[in-house]
Amino acid sequence: MLDRKSYSQMRRAGFGVGVSKEKVKQAMVEIILQLPEGTSNLKETVIYHLGQYGQMTPIRDLNTIWNQVKRKVAKSNPEKFILDGKNALHWNDGSVKVLDRRISPANFKKLNELADNEGYSVNAVVSKLLKTYKTAKV
């Protein structure tokens, strides 16, 4: 049985897959869309299903292709897949909540000025604001 080491030795000897990165990318997209919902270890599963193409493609190429596939699949199928804040691909089953990290520059500046005036860190000011908001809401 051939393993990853044998394939790397074959690549070094001059044998290649003969398939472009774009073809591997298309194959990855087709495979990931056919996986049953809830499949864990998406990257490893997709590479396993690529067969010899997955074994013969260099790791650095697989990683760059995988990053492109993640973005493409999450953008084209938001009902099935979601990218979290760390750019990891997950099934969109409601268990992953994407954090909104955007804040306008004006509000960011005001927040930093408030933290400087109060003598606290920005994190401490935000914590106090949230605590005050929760107590006022109840």
Protein backbone atom coordinates (compact mmCIF):
# COMPACT_ATOMS: atom_id res chain seq x y z
CA MET A 1 0.00 0.00 0.00
CA LEU A 2 1.33 3.40 -0.90
CA ASP A 3 1.47 6.01 1.82
CA ARG A 4 2.22 9.72 1.86
CA LYS A 5 5.98 9.09 2.08
CA SER A 6 5.99 6.93 -1.05
CA TYR A 7 4.06 9.58 -2.95
CA SER A 8 6.48 12.30 -1.87
CA GLN A 9 9.37 10.15 -3.09
CA MET A 10 7.58 9.67 -6.41
CA ARG A 11 7.08 13.44 -6.75
CA ARG A 12 10.77 14.04 -6.11
CA ALA A 13 11.65 11.46 -8.75
CA GLY A 14 9.69 13.48 -11.31
CA PHE A 15 6.31 11.78 -11.30
CA GLY A 16 3.50 14.25 -10.84
CA VAL A 17 -0.25 14.21 -10.73
CA GLY A 18 -0.60 16.10 -13.96
CA VAL A 19 -3.69 17.88 -12.64
CA SER A 20 -3.87 21.63 -12.20
CA LYS A 21 -4.65 23.29 -8.89
CA GLU A 22 -7.92 24.55 -10.37
CA LYS A 23 -9.06 20.99 -11.14
CA VAL A 24 -8.20 19.88 -7.60
CA LYS A 25 -10.11 22.91 -6.29
CA GLN A 26 -13.18 22.00 -8.35
CA ALA A 27 -12.97 18.41 -7.14
CA MET A 28 -12.74 19.57 -3.52
CA VAL A 29 -15.81 21.78 -3.93
CA GLU A 30 -17.78 18.91 -5.50
CA ILE A 31 -16.73 16.51 -2.74
CA ILE A 32 -17.52 18.89 0.12
CA LEU A 33 -21.00 19.59 -1.26
CA GLN A 34 -21.74 15.85 -1.39
CA LEU A 35 -20.67 15.11 2.19
CA PRO A 36 -23.43 14.20 4.64
CA GLU A 37 -24.27 16.95 7.09
CA GLY A 38 -22.39 16.77 10.37
CA THR A 39 -19.25 15.17 8.95
CA SER A 40 -16.31 16.01 11.17
CA ASN A 41 -12.75 16.80 10.05
CA LEU A 42 -13.88 18.29 6.76
CA LYS A 43 -10.39 18.92 5.38
CA GLU A 44 -9.10 15.41 6.05
CA THR A 45 -12.31 13.86 4.72
CA VAL A 46 -12.18 15.86 1.50
CA ILE A 47 -8.48 15.07 0.94
CA TYR A 48 -9.18 11.38 1.59
CA HIS A 49 -11.95 11.42 -1.01
CA LEU A 50 -9.62 13.05 -3.55
CA GLY A 51 -7.77 9.75 -3.67
CA GLN A 52 -4.49 9.75 -5.53
CA TYR A 53 -4.84 13.44 -6.39
CA GLY A 54 -4.93 14.26 -2.69
CA GLN A 55 -1.93 12.06 -2.00
CA MET A 56 0.18 13.37 -4.87
CA THR A 57 -0.54 17.08 -4.43
CA PRO A 58 2.06 18.84 -2.24
CA ILE A 59 0.87 19.88 1.23
CA ARG A 60 1.47 23.59 0.65
CA ASP A 61 -0.72 23.44 -2.47
CA LEU A 62 -3.42 21.53 -0.60
CA ASN A 63 -3.42 24.14 2.16
CA THR A 64 -3.77 27.08 -0.22
CA ILE A 65 -6.44 25.28 -2.24
CA TRP A 66 -8.30 24.38 0.97
CA ASN A 67 -8.34 28.03 2.09
CA GLN A 68 -9.80 29.04 -1.26
CA VAL A 69 -12.37 26.23 -1.16
CA LYS A 70 -13.48 27.21 2.36
CA ARG A 71 -14.22 30.77 1.30
CA LYS A 72 -15.92 29.72 -1.92
CA VAL A 73 -18.16 27.10 -0.28
CA ALA A 74 -19.12 29.34 2.64
CA LYS A 75 -19.97 32.18 0.27
CA SER A 76 -21.92 30.08 -2.23
CA ASN A 77 -23.74 27.88 0.32
CA PRO A 78 -24.37 29.93 3.48
CA GLU A 79 -27.29 27.69 4.42
CA LYS A 80 -24.92 24.69 4.73
CA PHE A 81 -21.54 26.12 5.75
CA ILE A 82 -20.21 28.99 7.82
CA LEU A 83 -16.75 30.44 8.45
CA ASP A 84 -16.07 31.43 12.04
CA GLY A 85 -13.83 34.26 13.26
CA LYS A 86 -10.73 32.07 12.98
CA ASN A 87 -11.54 31.25 9.34
CA ALA A 88 -12.46 27.63 10.12
CA LEU A 89 -15.22 25.96 8.11
CA HIS A 90 -18.18 24.59 10.09
CA TRP A 91 -21.58 23.17 9.30
CA ASN A 92 -24.26 25.84 9.65
CA ASP A 93 -26.38 23.99 12.19
CA GLY A 94 -26.71 26.87 14.63
CA SER A 95 -24.02 25.64 17.03
CA VAL A 96 -21.38 28.14 15.82
CA LYS A 97 -21.99 31.81 16.49
CA VAL A 98 -19.92 34.23 14.43
CA LEU A 99 -18.72 37.18 16.47
CA ASP A 100 -19.07 40.68 15.03
CA ARG A 101 -15.65 42.24 15.45
CA ARG A 102 -16.28 45.37 13.42
CA ILE A 103 -16.44 48.71 15.19
CA SER A 104 -16.48 52.08 13.47
CA PRO A 105 -13.28 54.14 13.76
CA ALA A 106 -15.18 56.96 15.47
CA ASN A 107 -16.60 54.65 18.15
CA PHE A 108 -13.23 52.97 18.56
CA LYS A 109 -11.60 56.35 19.17
CA LYS A 110 -14.32 57.35 21.67
CA LEU A 111 -13.93 54.04 23.49
CA ASN A 112 -10.16 54.51 23.79
CA GLU A 113 -10.60 58.09 25.01
CA LEU A 114 -13.12 56.94 27.63
CA ALA A 115 -10.71 54.21 28.78
CA ASP A 116 -7.87 56.76 29.06
CA ASN A 117 -10.04 59.22 31.00
CA GLU A 118 -11.21 56.52 33.42
CA GLY A 119 -7.75 54.99 33.80
CA TYR A 120 -8.89 51.50 32.78
CA SER A 121 -8.14 49.25 29.85
CA VAL A 122 -10.62 49.15 26.97
CA ASN A 123 -11.59 45.63 27.97
CA ALA A 124 -12.43 46.74 31.53
CA VAL A 125 -14.50 49.67 30.24
CA VAL A 126 -16.47 47.41 27.91
CA SER A 127 -17.07 44.93 30.76
CA LYS A 128 -18.36 47.72 33.01
CA LEU A 129 -20.59 49.09 30.24
CA LEU A 130 -22.09 45.64 29.64
CA LYS A 131 -22.65 45.07 33.35
CA THR A 132 -24.36 48.49 33.65
CA TYR A 133 -26.49 47.79 30.59
CA LYS A 134 -27.64 44.41 31.97
CA THR A 135 -28.55 45.81 35.39
CA ALA A 136 -30.42 48.76 33.81
CA LYS A 137 -32.28 46.40 31.49
CA VAL A 138 -33.59 44.21 34.34
